[in-house]
Protein backbone atom coordinates (compact mmCIF):
# COMPACT_ATOMS: atom_id res chain seq x y z
CA MET A 1 -13.55 29.49 -50.97
CA ALA A 2 -12.09 26.97 -53.48
CA VAL A 3 -13.86 26.85 -56.81
CA PRO A 4 -13.69 23.56 -58.53
CA GLN A 5 -12.13 23.69 -61.84
CA GLY A 6 -14.61 23.89 -64.77
CA LYS A 7 -17.52 24.62 -62.66
CA PHE A 8 -19.69 27.59 -63.57
CA THR A 9 -20.47 30.04 -60.75
CA GLY A 10 -22.02 33.35 -61.28
CA PHE A 11 -23.96 36.35 -60.07
CA GLN A 12 -25.10 37.95 -63.25
CA THR A 13 -25.50 36.81 -66.62
CA GLN A 14 -21.82 37.17 -67.61
CA GLY A 15 -20.84 35.05 -64.53
CA LEU A 16 -17.66 33.92 -63.21
CA TRP A 17 -15.54 31.27 -64.82
CA PRO A 18 -12.66 29.32 -63.09
CA THR A 19 -9.58 29.14 -65.18
CA SER A 20 -5.87 28.09 -64.69
CA ILE A 21 -4.86 31.51 -63.59
CA GLY A 22 -7.66 32.68 -61.63
CA VAL A 23 -11.54 33.33 -61.89
CA ALA A 24 -12.46 35.13 -65.08
CA LEU A 25 -14.63 38.11 -64.46
CA ALA A 26 -15.17 39.41 -68.00
CA ARG A 27 -13.13 40.46 -70.98
CA ASN A 28 -9.82 39.49 -70.08
CA SER A 29 -10.04 40.42 -66.35
CA PHE A 30 -9.06 37.67 -63.98
CA LEU A 31 -9.56 37.63 -60.16
CA LYS A 32 -6.22 35.78 -59.21
CA ALA A 33 -6.64 36.05 -55.28
CA TRP A 34 -8.40 37.79 -52.44
CA GLN A 35 -7.80 38.33 -48.76
CA ILE A 36 -10.44 39.18 -46.17
CA GLY A 37 -9.60 40.19 -42.67
CA SER A 38 -9.48 42.81 -39.88
CA VAL A 39 -6.98 45.09 -38.65
CA THR A 40 -7.23 47.16 -35.31
CA PHE A 41 -5.97 50.92 -35.78
CA THR A 42 -5.77 54.17 -33.80
CA SER A 43 -5.76 56.94 -36.12
CA ALA A 44 -4.38 60.46 -35.63
CA ALA A 45 -6.45 63.44 -35.44
CA VAL A 46 -8.02 64.54 -38.68
CA GLY A 47 -7.63 68.19 -39.54
CA ALA A 48 -10.47 70.76 -40.07
CA ALA A 49 -12.29 70.51 -43.45
CA SER A 50 -10.00 67.88 -44.83
CA LEU A 51 -9.74 64.43 -46.44
CA THR A 52 -6.64 62.50 -45.18
CA GLU A 53 -5.18 59.21 -45.51
CA GLN A 54 -3.21 57.11 -42.79
CA ALA A 55 -1.05 54.14 -43.35
CA VAL A 56 -1.81 50.67 -41.73
CA THR A 57 0.40 47.68 -42.13
CA VAL A 58 -1.61 44.80 -43.66
CA THR A 59 0.64 41.77 -44.72
CA GLY A 60 0.02 40.25 -48.06
CA LEU A 61 -1.16 43.46 -49.85
CA THR A 62 0.26 44.36 -53.12
CA VAL A 63 0.32 47.53 -54.98
CA ASN A 64 -2.41 46.56 -57.74
CA ASP A 65 -4.89 45.02 -55.29
CA LEU A 66 -8.38 46.59 -54.99
CA VAL A 67 -9.63 47.37 -51.56
CA ALA A 68 -12.81 47.81 -49.88
CA VAL A 69 -13.02 49.02 -46.04
CA MET A 70 -15.55 49.45 -43.33
CA ALA A 71 -15.13 50.64 -39.80
CA GLN A 72 -16.82 48.76 -37.01
CA GLY A 73 -19.22 50.84 -35.08
CA ALA A 74 -20.59 54.41 -35.55
CA PRO A 75 -18.30 57.35 -36.57
CA THR A 76 -17.54 60.22 -33.95
CA ALA A 77 -18.92 63.51 -34.25
CA GLN A 78 -18.81 63.59 -38.09
CA VAL A 79 -15.41 62.23 -38.73
CA GLY A 80 -15.25 58.87 -40.15
CA ASN A 81 -13.57 56.61 -42.40
CA LEU A 82 -15.02 56.83 -45.98
CA GLY A 83 -15.07 53.00 -46.51
CA THR A 84 -12.46 53.27 -48.95
CA GLY A 85 -8.74 52.77 -49.04
CA ARG A 86 -5.86 52.03 -51.36
CA VAL A 87 -2.70 50.05 -51.37
CA SER A 88 0.10 52.46 -51.46
CA ALA A 89 3.07 49.92 -51.12
CA ALA A 90 3.42 46.30 -50.59
CA ASN A 91 1.75 45.60 -47.05
CA THR A 92 0.59 49.20 -46.72
CA LEU A 93 -2.97 50.10 -46.66
CA GLN A 94 -3.95 53.67 -46.70
CA LEU A 95 -7.41 54.47 -44.90
CA ARG A 96 -9.30 57.51 -46.07
CA TYR A 97 -10.98 59.76 -43.45
CA VAL A 98 -13.07 62.87 -43.90
CA ASN A 99 -13.60 65.74 -41.51
CA PRO A 100 -16.13 68.22 -42.72
CA THR A 101 -16.21 70.30 -39.69
CA ALA A 102 -14.35 73.61 -38.58
CA GLY A 103 -12.18 71.90 -36.06
CA SER A 104 -9.77 69.02 -35.82
CA LEU A 105 -11.33 65.57 -34.75
CA THR A 106 -10.11 62.26 -33.61
CA PRO A 107 -11.79 59.07 -34.74
CA PRO A 108 -12.25 56.57 -31.72
CA ALA A 109 -9.13 54.66 -30.58
CA SER A 110 -8.55 51.02 -31.48
CA THR A 111 -11.17 50.87 -34.31
CA VAL A 112 -11.55 47.55 -35.86
CA TYR A 113 -11.44 47.90 -39.75
CA PHE A 114 -12.66 45.02 -41.82
CA PHE A 115 -11.32 44.89 -45.38
CA ALA A 116 -11.48 42.92 -48.50
CA ALA A 117 -8.55 43.07 -50.99
CA PHE A 118 -8.97 41.66 -54.62
CA GLN A 119 -5.72 40.95 -56.90
CA VAL A 120 -6.97 41.44 -60.46
CA GLN A 121 -4.90 40.70 -63.62
């Protein structure tokens, strides 16, 4: 979505202002770019009573990106993606999983994960 230069757009009283280096959020923070997409991934088993991360390749991510993740469909038997992730290296998204049970569980194969990545300066 292109925002015309010099036009106001906002969701709250502080609003969002387009500038020459990106969209100003507030107090010297700028949203420089964003990427929205999906990736299909088959995760490994998640150990008993654990919180783990598993790496997925997503081209275009940079280390300072902020990421939100959502799995399509329902979680399996109490193991699930937390809806969070982080960029650990260029083009590498770490998906976070939790398994609160006493045994190892495996999320469904070929799960589609939707993500939104934001590059903030």
